[in-house]
Amino acid sequence: MKGSRIKVLFFDVGGVLLNNGWGHQSRQAAAAKFNLNYEEMEVLHNFIFNVYEIGKISLDDYLDTVVFNHPRDFSRQDFKDFLFAQSVALPDFLPWLKEWKKTCGFRVISINNEGREINNYRIQKFGLHDCFDAFISSCEVGMRKPDPGIFNLAMGIAQVSAEECLYFDDRLMLAQAAQKLGILSFHHQDFSATRQILETHQLSANPNNRPSEK
């Protein structure tokens, strides 16, 4: 068997390494804490959040539409603090990837849908520079998955062909969108399964580079 042609690993962030920092559970928790009408909030969120994620509006613009469209008895900063605090690391994967990245021999790049302020907070808070060489974030490139353009842009920036990439996403539809472009894509469901895939490709690329026993 010839060595693997894989040169670059592409990862989603939310649902793989971190939780979805402003997912529906977080919005439900915010509605309960701040006494908001969740149904109204959700309609407005669905109307405008994609615009926020491609960098066309700021977090304050988003909040003006979804939360501060009525007088409130709490401050904007109180709400932002709550919003940012919803982000947590998922078990096991992030610390392992930071260590594995040091010797894996691959470039590692994120492809994620995220609004700018949330994206920047999560990169800094969780030290994502330690596991990613670059960030292809929807807020910076003006496209969001499943737009094929964001995957093509990532490959162009990395200067690789689809056959030289692996991609992991917790949403099957998004993994399938990358797969349609010829990228070998996997539906991330748990750390152990994804780790096994990564270590298998690492060993294939370099038979002398044995996977960690940790």
N, C-alpha and C. Protein backbone atom coordinates (compact mmCIF):
# COMPACT_ATOMS: atom_id res chain seq x y z
N MET A 1 0.84 -1.21 0.00
CA MET A 1 0.00 0.00 0.00
C MET A 1 0.87 1.25 0.00
N LYS A 2 0.64 2.13 -0.91
CA LYS A 2 1.40 3.38 -0.97
C LYS A 2 0.99 4.29 0.18
N GLY A 3 1.91 5.21 0.55
CA GLY A 3 1.62 6.17 1.59
C GLY A 3 0.42 7.04 1.24
N SER A 4 -0.25 7.50 2.25
CA SER A 4 -1.43 8.35 2.05
C SER A 4 -1.05 9.64 1.34
N ARG A 5 -1.95 10.11 0.49
CA ARG A 5 -1.74 11.40 -0.17
C ARG A 5 -2.24 12.56 0.69
N ILE A 6 -2.85 12.27 1.83
CA ILE A 6 -3.46 13.31 2.65
C ILE A 6 -2.40 14.29 3.14
N LYS A 7 -2.68 15.57 2.94
CA LYS A 7 -1.77 16.63 3.39
C LYS A 7 -2.43 17.57 4.40
N VAL A 8 -3.76 17.70 4.31
CA VAL A 8 -4.47 18.70 5.12
C VAL A 8 -5.70 18.07 5.76
N LEU A 9 -5.90 18.39 7.03
CA LEU A 9 -7.10 17.99 7.74
C LEU A 9 -7.97 19.22 7.94
N PHE A 10 -9.22 19.14 7.53
CA PHE A 10 -10.19 20.20 7.76
C PHE A 10 -11.16 19.74 8.86
N PHE A 11 -11.42 20.63 9.81
CA PHE A 11 -12.33 20.32 10.90
C PHE A 11 -13.38 21.41 11.05
N ASP A 12 -14.61 20.99 11.31
CA ASP A 12 -15.57 21.88 11.92
C ASP A 12 -15.14 22.09 13.37
N VAL A 13 -15.67 23.12 14.03
CA VAL A 13 -15.33 23.38 15.43
C VAL A 13 -16.51 23.08 16.34
N GLY A 14 -17.64 23.77 16.12
CA GLY A 14 -18.81 23.55 16.95
C GLY A 14 -19.39 22.17 16.72
N GLY A 15 -19.52 21.38 17.80
CA GLY A 15 -20.02 20.03 17.69
C GLY A 15 -18.93 19.00 17.53
N VAL A 16 -17.68 19.45 17.35
CA VAL A 16 -16.53 18.55 17.22
C VAL A 16 -15.56 18.76 18.38
N LEU A 17 -15.00 19.97 18.46
CA LEU A 17 -14.08 20.30 19.55
C LEU A 17 -14.77 21.06 20.67
N LEU A 18 -15.65 21.96 20.29
CA LEU A 18 -16.43 22.74 21.25
C LEU A 18 -17.91 22.48 21.02
N ASN A 19 -18.73 22.89 21.97
CA ASN A 19 -20.17 22.83 21.73
C ASN A 19 -20.57 23.91 20.72
N ASN A 20 -21.81 23.89 20.29
CA ASN A 20 -22.32 24.98 19.46
C ASN A 20 -22.64 26.13 20.41
N GLY A 21 -21.79 27.12 20.45
CA GLY A 21 -21.84 28.11 21.50
C GLY A 21 -23.12 28.90 21.63
N TRP A 22 -23.87 29.03 20.53
CA TRP A 22 -25.13 29.76 20.60
C TRP A 22 -26.21 28.94 19.90
N GLY A 23 -26.28 27.67 20.27
CA GLY A 23 -27.29 26.78 19.73
C GLY A 23 -28.62 26.95 20.41
N HIS A 24 -29.59 26.13 20.02
CA HIS A 24 -30.96 26.33 20.52
C HIS A 24 -31.05 26.12 22.03
N GLN A 25 -30.23 25.22 22.58
CA GLN A 25 -30.28 25.03 24.04
C GLN A 25 -29.80 26.27 24.78
N SER A 26 -28.78 26.91 24.25
CA SER A 26 -28.29 28.15 24.86
C SER A 26 -29.31 29.27 24.74
N ARG A 27 -30.01 29.32 23.61
CA ARG A 27 -31.02 30.36 23.44
C ARG A 27 -32.21 30.10 24.36
N GLN A 28 -32.55 28.85 24.56
CA GLN A 28 -33.62 28.53 25.51
C GLN A 28 -33.22 28.94 26.93
N ALA A 29 -31.96 28.67 27.28
CA ALA A 29 -31.48 29.06 28.60
C ALA A 29 -31.48 30.58 28.76
N ALA A 30 -31.13 31.29 27.71
CA ALA A 30 -31.14 32.76 27.76
C ALA A 30 -32.55 33.28 27.93
N ALA A 31 -33.50 32.69 27.22
CA ALA A 31 -34.90 33.12 27.33
C ALA A 31 -35.40 32.93 28.75
N ALA A 32 -35.01 31.81 29.38
CA ALA A 32 -35.45 31.55 30.76
C ALA A 32 -34.79 32.51 31.73
N LYS A 33 -33.49 32.73 31.57
CA LYS A 33 -32.76 33.58 32.51
C LYS A 33 -33.19 35.03 32.43
N PHE A 34 -33.40 35.53 31.20
CA PHE A 34 -33.69 36.95 31.01
C PHE A 34 -35.17 37.23 30.77
N ASN A 35 -36.00 36.21 30.95
CA ASN A 35 -37.45 36.37 30.82
C ASN A 35 -37.84 36.89 29.43
N LEU A 36 -37.35 36.20 28.41
CA LEU A 36 -37.62 36.57 27.02
C LEU A 36 -38.70 35.65 26.44
N ASN A 37 -39.38 36.15 25.44
CA ASN A 37 -40.33 35.33 24.68
C ASN A 37 -39.52 34.48 23.71
N TYR A 38 -39.35 33.20 24.05
CA TYR A 38 -38.47 32.34 23.26
C TYR A 38 -38.97 32.18 21.83
N GLU A 39 -40.28 32.03 21.64
CA GLU A 39 -40.81 31.83 20.30
C GLU A 39 -40.52 33.05 19.41
N GLU A 40 -40.73 34.24 19.95
CA GLU A 40 -40.43 35.45 19.17
C GLU A 40 -38.93 35.55 18.90
N MET A 41 -38.15 35.29 19.91
CA MET A 41 -36.70 35.35 19.79
C MET A 41 -36.19 34.38 18.71
N GLU A 42 -36.79 33.18 18.66
CA GLU A 42 -36.34 32.17 17.73
C GLU A 42 -36.69 32.54 16.29
N VAL A 43 -37.85 33.10 16.08
CA VAL A 43 -38.22 33.55 14.73
C VAL A 43 -37.24 34.61 14.24
N LEU A 44 -36.92 35.56 15.09
CA LEU A 44 -36.00 36.63 14.71
C LEU A 44 -34.58 36.10 14.52
N HIS A 45 -34.19 35.19 15.40
CA HIS A 45 -32.87 34.57 15.26
C HIS A 45 -32.73 33.88 13.91
N ASN A 46 -33.71 33.07 13.56
CA ASN A 46 -33.64 32.33 12.29
C ASN A 46 -33.66 33.26 11.09
N PHE A 47 -34.25 34.42 11.26
CA PHE A 47 -34.34 35.39 10.17
C PHE A 47 -32.99 36.04 9.89
N ILE A 48 -32.20 36.27 10.94
CA ILE A 48 -31.02 37.13 10.77
C ILE A 48 -29.69 36.46 11.08
N PHE A 49 -29.68 35.30 11.73
CA PHE A 49 -28.41 34.75 12.21
C PHE A 49 -27.46 34.41 11.06
N ASN A 50 -27.99 33.93 9.95
CA ASN A 50 -27.12 33.63 8.82
C ASN A 50 -26.40 34.88 8.32
N VAL A 51 -27.07 36.01 8.40
CA VAL A 51 -26.45 37.28 7.98
C VAL A 51 -25.29 37.63 8.91
N TYR A 52 -25.49 37.36 10.20
CA TYR A 52 -24.41 37.57 11.17
C TYR A 52 -23.25 36.62 10.91
N GLU A 53 -23.55 35.37 10.61
CA GLU A 53 -22.48 34.39 10.44
C GLU A 53 -21.61 34.64 9.21
N ILE A 54 -22.12 35.33 8.21
CA ILE A 54 -21.27 35.64 7.06
C ILE A 54 -20.64 37.02 7.17
N GLY A 55 -20.70 37.61 8.35
CA GLY A 55 -19.95 38.83 8.62
C GLY A 55 -20.56 40.11 8.11
N LYS A 56 -21.85 40.08 7.75
CA LYS A 56 -22.48 41.28 7.20
C LYS A 56 -22.96 42.23 8.28
N ILE A 57 -23.19 41.71 9.49
CA ILE A 57 -23.60 42.55 10.61
C ILE A 57 -22.79 42.16 11.83
N SER A 58 -22.78 43.03 12.82
CA SER A 58 -22.05 42.77 14.06
C SER A 58 -22.93 42.03 15.06
N LEU A 59 -22.32 41.58 16.14
CA LEU A 59 -23.09 40.96 17.22
C LEU A 59 -24.09 41.95 17.79
N ASP A 60 -23.71 43.22 17.93
CA ASP A 60 -24.65 44.22 18.43
C ASP A 60 -25.84 44.37 17.49
N ASP A 61 -25.60 44.32 16.19
CA ASP A 61 -26.71 44.40 15.23
C ASP A 61 -27.65 43.21 15.41
N TYR A 62 -27.06 42.04 15.56
CA TYR A 62 -27.86 40.83 15.78
C TYR A 62 -28.70 40.97 17.05
N LEU A 63 -28.09 41.43 18.13
CA LEU A 63 -28.80 41.56 19.40
C LEU A 63 -29.88 42.64 19.32
N ASP A 64 -29.62 43.70 18.56
CA ASP A 64 -30.65 44.73 18.38
C ASP A 64 -31.93 44.13 17.81
N THR A 65 -31.77 43.18 16.90
CA THR A 65 -32.93 42.57 16.24
C THR A 65 -33.59 41.51 17.10
N VAL A 66 -32.79 40.69 17.76
CA VAL A 66 -33.31 39.48 18.41
C VAL A 66 -33.67 39.70 19.88
N VAL A 67 -32.91 40.54 20.57
CA VAL A 67 -33.10 40.70 22.02
C VAL A 67 -33.54 42.12 22.39
N PHE A 68 -32.83 43.11 21.89
CA PHE A 68 -33.09 44.48 22.32
C PHE A 68 -34.04 45.21 21.37
N ASN A 69 -34.95 44.44 20.82
CA ASN A 69 -36.04 45.02 20.02
C ASN A 69 -37.17 45.53 20.91
N HIS A 70 -37.06 45.28 22.22
CA HIS A 70 -37.97 45.80 23.23
C HIS A 70 -37.13 46.36 24.38
N PRO A 71 -37.68 47.27 25.17
CA PRO A 71 -36.96 47.71 26.37
C PRO A 71 -36.69 46.52 27.29
N ARG A 72 -35.50 46.47 27.87
CA ARG A 72 -35.13 45.36 28.73
C ARG A 72 -34.65 45.88 30.08
N ASP A 73 -34.77 45.04 31.10
CA ASP A 73 -34.32 45.42 32.44
C ASP A 73 -32.95 44.84 32.75
N PHE A 74 -32.22 44.47 31.71
CA PHE A 74 -30.84 44.00 31.87
C PHE A 74 -29.99 44.70 30.82
N SER A 75 -28.69 44.70 31.05
CA SER A 75 -27.79 45.42 30.14
C SER A 75 -27.36 44.55 28.97
N ARG A 76 -26.93 45.21 27.94
CA ARG A 76 -26.38 44.51 26.78
C ARG A 76 -25.16 43.68 27.19
N GLN A 77 -24.31 44.25 28.06
CA GLN A 77 -23.12 43.53 28.47
C GLN A 77 -23.47 42.29 29.28
N ASP A 78 -24.50 42.38 30.12
CA ASP A 78 -24.93 41.20 30.87
C ASP A 78 -25.33 40.07 29.92
N PHE A 79 -26.04 40.43 28.86
CA PHE A 79 -26.47 39.41 27.91
C PHE A 79 -25.28 38.85 27.15
N LYS A 80 -24.37 39.70 26.73
CA LYS A 80 -23.19 39.22 26.02
C LYS A 80 -22.36 38.29 26.90
N ASP A 81 -22.19 38.65 28.16
CA ASP A 81 -21.43 37.80 29.06
C ASP A 81 -22.06 36.41 29.15
N PHE A 82 -23.39 36.38 29.23
CA PHE A 82 -24.10 35.09 29.27
C PHE A 82 -23.88 34.33 27.96
N LEU A 83 -24.00 35.02 26.84
CA LEU A 83 -23.85 34.39 25.53
C LEU A 83 -22.47 33.76 25.38
N PHE A 84 -21.43 34.50 25.70
CA PHE A 84 -20.08 33.97 25.56
C PHE A 84 -19.83 32.79 26.50
N ALA A 85 -20.42 32.86 27.69
CA ALA A 85 -20.21 31.81 28.69
C ALA A 85 -20.84 30.48 28.28
N GLN A 86 -21.68 30.47 27.26
CA GLN A 86 -22.29 29.22 26.81
C GLN A 86 -21.29 28.30 26.11
N SER A 87 -20.18 28.84 25.65
CA SER A 87 -19.19 28.03 24.94
C SER A 87 -18.39 27.19 25.92
N VAL A 88 -18.35 25.88 25.67
CA VAL A 88 -17.54 24.96 26.47
C VAL A 88 -16.86 23.97 25.54
N ALA A 89 -15.72 23.43 25.99
CA ALA A 89 -15.03 22.39 25.23
C ALA A 89 -15.74 21.06 25.45
N LEU A 90 -15.84 20.28 24.39
CA LEU A 90 -16.38 18.93 24.52
C LEU A 90 -15.31 18.01 25.12
N PRO A 91 -15.71 16.92 25.72
CA PRO A 91 -14.74 16.06 26.43
C PRO A 91 -13.66 15.49 25.51
N ASP A 92 -12.44 15.51 25.98
CA ASP A 92 -11.31 14.73 25.45
C ASP A 92 -10.65 15.23 24.18
N PHE A 93 -11.43 15.62 23.17
CA PHE A 93 -10.85 15.80 21.84
C PHE A 93 -9.88 16.97 21.77
N LEU A 94 -10.24 18.12 22.31
CA LEU A 94 -9.42 19.31 22.14
C LEU A 94 -8.02 19.15 22.73
N PRO A 95 -7.86 18.71 23.99
CA PRO A 95 -6.49 18.54 24.50
C PRO A 95 -5.70 17.50 23.73
N TRP A 96 -6.38 16.43 23.30
CA TRP A 96 -5.68 15.41 22.52
C TRP A 96 -5.19 15.99 21.19
N LEU A 97 -6.04 16.74 20.50
CA LEU A 97 -5.67 17.28 19.20
C LEU A 97 -4.50 18.26 19.32
N LYS A 98 -4.48 19.05 20.38
CA LYS A 98 -3.37 19.99 20.58
C LYS A 98 -2.04 19.26 20.68
N GLU A 99 -2.03 18.13 21.36
CA GLU A 99 -0.80 17.35 21.49
C GLU A 99 -0.48 16.61 20.19
N TRP A 100 -1.48 15.98 19.60
CA TRP A 100 -1.28 15.21 18.38
C TRP A 100 -0.80 16.10 17.24
N LYS A 101 -1.28 17.33 17.18
CA LYS A 101 -0.90 18.27 16.13
C LYS A 101 0.61 18.51 16.08
N LYS A 102 1.27 18.39 17.23
CA LYS A 102 2.70 18.69 17.29
C LYS A 102 3.53 17.72 16.45
N THR A 103 3.04 16.50 16.26
CA THR A 103 3.83 15.48 15.57
C THR A 103 3.07 14.76 14.46
N CYS A 104 1.85 15.20 14.15
CA CYS A 104 1.02 14.42 13.21
C CYS A 104 1.51 14.51 11.77
N GLY A 105 2.18 15.59 11.41
CA GLY A 105 2.69 15.72 10.05
C GLY A 105 1.72 16.30 9.05
N PHE A 106 0.52 16.67 9.52
CA PHE A 106 -0.49 17.28 8.64
C PHE A 106 -0.68 18.74 9.00
N ARG A 107 -1.07 19.53 8.02
CA ARG A 107 -1.63 20.85 8.33
C ARG A 107 -3.07 20.67 8.77
N VAL A 108 -3.51 21.47 9.73
CA VAL A 108 -4.85 21.35 10.28
C VAL A 108 -5.54 22.71 10.19
N ILE A 109 -6.70 22.75 9.54
CA ILE A 109 -7.41 24.00 9.26
C ILE A 109 -8.87 23.85 9.63
N SER A 110 -9.43 24.86 10.26
CA SER A 110 -10.86 24.82 10.58
C SER A 110 -11.67 25.39 9.42
N ILE A 111 -12.86 24.82 9.22
CA ILE A 111 -13.87 25.38 8.33
C ILE A 111 -15.15 25.44 9.14
N ASN A 112 -15.53 26.64 9.56
CA ASN A 112 -16.66 26.72 10.49
C ASN A 112 -17.56 27.90 10.17
N ASN A 113 -18.84 27.71 10.49
CA ASN A 113 -19.82 28.79 10.43
C ASN A 113 -19.87 29.45 11.80
N GLU A 114 -19.47 30.72 11.86
CA GLU A 114 -19.44 31.42 13.15
C GLU A 114 -19.46 32.91 12.92
N GLY A 115 -20.21 33.62 13.77
CA GLY A 115 -20.16 35.08 13.76
C GLY A 115 -18.84 35.57 14.33
N ARG A 116 -18.41 36.75 13.93
CA ARG A 116 -17.05 37.21 14.22
C ARG A 116 -16.74 37.29 15.71
N GLU A 117 -17.59 37.93 16.48
CA GLU A 117 -17.27 38.11 17.90
C GLU A 117 -17.24 36.78 18.64
N ILE A 118 -18.18 35.91 18.31
CA ILE A 118 -18.20 34.58 18.94
C ILE A 118 -17.00 33.77 18.49
N ASN A 119 -16.69 33.82 17.21
CA ASN A 119 -15.53 33.11 16.66
C ASN A 119 -14.24 33.56 17.34
N ASN A 120 -14.03 34.87 17.43
CA ASN A 120 -12.81 35.39 18.04
C ASN A 120 -12.71 34.99 19.51
N TYR A 121 -13.82 35.07 20.21
CA TYR A 121 -13.83 34.69 21.62
C TYR A 121 -13.43 33.22 21.78
N ARG A 122 -13.99 32.35 20.98
CA ARG A 122 -13.74 30.92 21.12
C ARG A 122 -12.29 30.56 20.75
N ILE A 123 -11.75 31.21 19.74
CA ILE A 123 -10.35 30.97 19.37
C ILE A 123 -9.43 31.32 20.53
N GLN A 124 -9.66 32.48 21.15
CA GLN A 124 -8.80 32.93 22.25
C GLN A 124 -9.05 32.13 23.52
N LYS A 125 -10.31 31.95 23.87
CA LYS A 125 -10.68 31.28 25.12
C LYS A 125 -10.14 29.86 25.19
N PHE A 126 -10.22 29.14 24.09
CA PHE A 126 -9.87 27.72 24.10
C PHE A 126 -8.53 27.42 23.43
N GLY A 127 -7.76 28.47 23.14
CA GLY A 127 -6.43 28.28 22.59
C GLY A 127 -6.41 27.51 21.28
N LEU A 128 -7.33 27.84 20.38
CA LEU A 128 -7.44 27.06 19.15
C LEU A 128 -6.27 27.27 18.20
N HIS A 129 -5.47 28.32 18.42
CA HIS A 129 -4.25 28.48 17.63
C HIS A 129 -3.30 27.31 17.85
N ASP A 130 -3.45 26.61 18.96
CA ASP A 130 -2.56 25.48 19.25
C ASP A 130 -2.88 24.24 18.42
N CYS A 131 -4.05 24.21 17.80
CA CYS A 131 -4.37 23.02 16.99
C CYS A 131 -4.70 23.35 15.53
N PHE A 132 -4.84 24.64 15.19
CA PHE A 132 -5.15 24.99 13.81
C PHE A 132 -4.07 25.90 13.22
N ASP A 133 -3.72 25.62 11.97
CA ASP A 133 -2.78 26.47 11.25
C ASP A 133 -3.47 27.66 10.61
N ALA A 134 -4.78 27.54 10.37
CA ALA A 134 -5.55 28.63 9.76
C ALA A 134 -7.02 28.42 10.09
N PHE A 135 -7.79 29.49 9.96
CA PHE A 135 -9.22 29.45 10.26
C PHE A 135 -9.99 29.96 9.04
N ILE A 136 -10.78 29.10 8.44
CA ILE A 136 -11.66 29.50 7.35
C ILE A 136 -13.04 29.67 7.98
N SER A 137 -13.30 30.84 8.51
CA SER A 137 -14.53 31.11 9.25
C SER A 137 -15.50 31.89 8.37
N SER A 138 -16.76 31.51 8.43
CA SER A 138 -17.76 32.12 7.56
C SER A 138 -17.78 33.64 7.70
N CYS A 139 -17.58 34.14 8.91
CA CYS A 139 -17.63 35.59 9.14
C CYS A 139 -16.52 36.34 8.42
N GLU A 140 -15.43 35.65 8.12
CA GLU A 140 -14.28 36.30 7.47
C GLU A 140 -14.30 36.14 5.96
N VAL A 141 -14.96 35.10 5.46
CA VAL A 141 -14.91 34.83 4.02
C VAL A 141 -16.23 35.12 3.32
N GLY A 142 -17.28 35.46 4.08
CA GLY A 142 -18.55 35.82 3.48
C GLY A 142 -19.32 34.68 2.86
N MET A 143 -18.99 33.47 3.25
CA MET A 143 -19.71 32.27 2.81
C MET A 143 -19.86 31.35 4.01
N ARG A 144 -20.91 30.55 3.98
CA ARG A 144 -21.09 29.59 5.06
C ARG A 144 -21.44 28.22 4.49
N LYS A 145 -21.01 27.20 5.19
CA LYS A 145 -21.38 25.85 4.79
C LYS A 145 -22.90 25.71 4.78
N PRO A 146 -23.48 25.00 3.81
CA PRO A 146 -22.87 24.08 2.85
C PRO A 146 -22.46 24.68 1.50
N ASP A 147 -22.32 25.98 1.40
CA ASP A 147 -21.86 26.59 0.15
C ASP A 147 -20.56 25.92 -0.29
N PRO A 148 -20.51 25.32 -1.48
CA PRO A 148 -19.27 24.67 -1.91
C PRO A 148 -18.11 25.65 -2.02
N GLY A 149 -18.43 26.93 -2.15
CA GLY A 149 -17.37 27.92 -2.28
C GLY A 149 -16.44 27.98 -1.08
N ILE A 150 -16.96 27.71 0.12
CA ILE A 150 -16.11 27.82 1.30
C ILE A 150 -15.11 26.67 1.34
N PHE A 151 -15.52 25.48 0.86
CA PHE A 151 -14.59 24.36 0.79
C PHE A 151 -13.55 24.58 -0.31
N ASN A 152 -14.00 25.10 -1.44
CA ASN A 152 -13.05 25.39 -2.52
C ASN A 152 -12.05 26.46 -2.11
N LEU A 153 -12.52 27.46 -1.37
CA LEU A 153 -11.61 28.50 -0.88
C LEU A 153 -10.58 27.90 0.07
N ALA A 154 -11.03 27.03 0.97
CA ALA A 154 -10.10 26.39 1.91
C ALA A 154 -9.03 25.59 1.18
N MET A 155 -9.44 24.85 0.15
CA MET A 155 -8.45 24.08 -0.61
C MET A 155 -7.50 25.00 -1.37
N GLY A 156 -8.04 26.12 -1.87
CA GLY A 156 -7.18 27.08 -2.57
C GLY A 156 -6.16 27.71 -1.65
N ILE A 157 -6.59 28.08 -0.45
CA ILE A 157 -5.66 28.66 0.52
C ILE A 157 -4.60 27.65 0.92
N ALA A 158 -5.00 26.40 1.12
CA ALA A 158 -4.05 25.36 1.50
C ALA A 158 -3.23 24.85 0.32
N GLN A 159 -3.66 25.18 -0.90
CA GLN A 159 -3.01 24.71 -2.12
C GLN A 159 -2.93 23.19 -2.18
N VAL A 160 -4.10 22.58 -2.03
CA VAL A 160 -4.23 21.13 -2.11
C VAL A 160 -5.42 20.79 -2.99
N SER A 161 -5.41 19.57 -3.51
CA SER A 161 -6.56 19.05 -4.25
C SER A 161 -7.49 18.35 -3.27
N ALA A 162 -8.71 18.08 -3.72
CA ALA A 162 -9.69 17.43 -2.85
C ALA A 162 -9.17 16.08 -2.35
N GLU A 163 -8.42 15.36 -3.17
CA GLU A 163 -7.92 14.03 -2.80
C GLU A 163 -6.85 14.10 -1.72
N GLU A 164 -6.38 15.28 -1.42
CA GLU A 164 -5.32 15.45 -0.41
C GLU A 164 -5.88 15.94 0.92
N CYS A 165 -7.21 15.88 1.09
CA CYS A 165 -7.85 16.43 2.29
C CYS A 165 -8.72 15.41 2.99
N LEU A 166 -8.82 15.55 4.30
CA LEU A 166 -9.85 14.91 5.10
C LEU A 166 -10.68 16.00 5.75
N TYR A 167 -11.97 15.73 5.92
CA TYR A 167 -12.85 16.71 6.57
C TYR A 167 -13.75 15.99 7.57
N PHE A 168 -13.92 16.63 8.75
CA PHE A 168 -14.77 16.10 9.82
C PHE A 168 -15.80 17.14 10.21
N ASP A 169 -17.07 16.72 10.27
CA ASP A 169 -18.15 17.62 10.68
C ASP A 169 -19.17 16.80 11.46
N ASP A 170 -19.74 17.41 12.50
CA ASP A 170 -20.74 16.70 13.28
C ASP A 170 -22.10 16.67 12.59
N ARG A 171 -22.28 17.45 11.55
CA ARG A 171 -23.53 17.45 10.80
C ARG A 171 -23.35 16.68 9.51
N LEU A 172 -24.09 15.62 9.37
CA LEU A 172 -23.95 14.74 8.22
C LEU A 172 -24.12 15.50 6.92
N MET A 173 -25.09 16.39 6.84
CA MET A 173 -25.34 17.14 5.60
C MET A 173 -24.10 17.92 5.17
N LEU A 174 -23.37 18.48 6.13
CA LEU A 174 -22.19 19.28 5.79
C LEU A 174 -21.02 18.40 5.39
N ALA A 175 -20.90 17.24 6.03
CA ALA A 175 -19.88 16.29 5.59
C ALA A 175 -20.18 15.83 4.16
N GLN A 176 -21.45 15.62 3.86
CA GLN A 176 -21.83 15.20 2.52
C GLN A 176 -21.57 16.30 1.49
N ALA A 177 -21.73 17.57 1.90
CA ALA A 177 -21.46 18.68 0.99
C ALA A 177 -19.99 18.70 0.58
N ALA A 178 -19.10 18.45 1.52
CA ALA A 178 -17.67 18.38 1.21
C ALA A 178 -17.35 17.14 0.38
N GLN A 179 -18.02 16.04 0.70
CA GLN A 179 -17.79 14.79 -0.03
C GLN A 179 -18.12 14.95 -1.51
N LYS A 180 -19.14 15.73 -1.82
CA LYS A 180 -19.52 15.96 -3.22
C LYS A 180 -18.41 16.62 -4.02
N LEU A 181 -17.51 17.31 -3.35
CA LEU A 181 -16.39 17.97 -4.02
C LEU A 181 -15.18 17.05 -4.14
N GLY A 182 -15.31 15.84 -3.64
CA GLY A 182 -14.20 14.88 -3.72
C GLY A 182 -13.35 14.83 -2.48
N ILE A 183 -13.71 15.58 -1.44
CA ILE A 183 -12.98 15.55 -0.17
C ILE A 183 -13.43 14.33 0.62
N LEU A 184 -12.47 13.55 1.11
CA LEU A 184 -12.82 12.40 1.94
C LEU A 184 -13.35 12.92 3.27
N SER A 185 -14.63 12.74 3.50
CA SER A 185 -15.32 13.41 4.61
C SER A 185 -15.94 12.39 5.55
N PHE A 186 -15.95 12.74 6.83
CA PHE A 186 -16.46 11.85 7.86
C PHE A 186 -17.46 12.59 8.74
N HIS A 187 -18.52 11.87 9.09
CA HIS A 187 -19.50 12.38 10.03
C HIS A 187 -18.96 12.14 11.44
N HIS A 188 -18.47 13.18 12.08
CA HIS A 188 -17.93 13.05 13.44
C HIS A 188 -19.06 12.77 14.41
N GLN A 189 -18.94 11.66 15.15
CA GLN A 189 -19.95 11.31 16.13
C GLN A 189 -19.39 11.17 17.54
N ASP A 190 -18.12 10.79 17.64
CA ASP A 190 -17.49 10.74 18.96
C ASP A 190 -15.98 10.78 18.80
N PHE A 191 -15.33 11.12 19.89
CA PHE A 191 -13.88 11.31 19.89
C PHE A 191 -13.13 10.05 19.50
N SER A 192 -13.50 8.92 20.07
CA SER A 192 -12.72 7.70 19.86
C SER A 192 -12.73 7.28 18.39
N ALA A 193 -13.89 7.38 17.74
CA ALA A 193 -13.98 6.98 16.33
C ALA A 193 -13.16 7.92 15.45
N THR A 194 -13.26 9.23 15.69
CA THR A 194 -12.50 10.18 14.89
C THR A 194 -11.01 10.05 15.15
N ARG A 195 -10.63 9.82 16.39
CA ARG A 195 -9.21 9.62 16.71
C ARG A 195 -8.66 8.43 15.94
N GLN A 196 -9.41 7.34 15.88
CA GLN A 196 -8.96 6.15 15.17
C GLN A 196 -8.74 6.44 13.69
N ILE A 197 -9.66 7.19 13.09
CA ILE A 197 -9.50 7.57 11.68
C ILE A 197 -8.23 8.39 11.49
N LEU A 198 -8.02 9.36 12.36
CA LEU A 198 -6.85 10.23 12.24
C LEU A 198 -5.55 9.45 12.40
N GLU A 199 -5.50 8.60 13.38
CA GLU A 199 -4.26 7.84 13.62
C GLU A 199 -4.01 6.83 12.50
N THR A 200 -5.06 6.27 11.92
CA THR A 200 -4.90 5.35 10.80
C THR A 200 -4.29 6.07 9.61
N HIS A 201 -4.78 7.29 9.31
CA HIS A 201 -4.24 8.04 8.18
C HIS A 201 -2.83 8.55 8.48
N GLN A 202 -2.56 8.85 9.73
CA GLN A 202 -1.21 9.26 10.11
C GLN A 202 -0.23 8.11 9.87
N LEU A 203 -0.61 6.91 10.28
CA LEU A 203 0.26 5.75 10.10
C LEU A 203 0.43 5.40 8.62
N SER A 204 -0.65 5.57 7.85
CA SER A 204 -0.58 5.30 6.41
C SER A 204 0.39 6.26 5.73
N ALA A 205 0.36 7.53 6.17
CA ALA A 205 1.23 8.55 5.57
C ALA A 205 2.68 8.32 5.95
N ASN A 206 2.90 7.79 7.17
CA ASN A 206 4.26 7.57 7.66
C ASN A 206 4.27 6.34 8.55
N PRO A 207 4.55 5.16 7.99
CA PRO A 207 4.49 3.93 8.77
C PRO A 207 5.39 3.92 10.00
N ASN A 208 6.42 4.77 10.02
CA ASN A 208 7.30 4.83 11.18
C ASN A 208 6.77 5.71 12.31
N ASN A 209 5.68 6.42 12.01
CA ASN A 209 5.10 7.33 13.00
C ASN A 209 3.95 6.62 13.70
N ARG A 210 4.27 5.88 14.74
CA ARG A 210 3.26 5.07 15.43
C ARG A 210 2.31 5.95 16.22
N PRO A 211 1.01 5.61 16.29
CA PRO A 211 0.07 6.39 17.07
C PRO A 211 0.38 6.33 18.56
N SER A 212 -0.04 7.39 19.25
CA SER A 212 0.20 7.48 20.69
C SER A 212 -0.57 6.39 21.41
N GLU A 213 0.01 5.88 22.49
CA GLU A 213 -0.67 4.90 23.32
C GLU A 213 -1.48 5.55 24.43
N LYS A 214 -1.45 6.88 24.52
CA LYS A 214 -2.16 7.58 25.59
C LYS A 214 -3.66 7.40 25.42
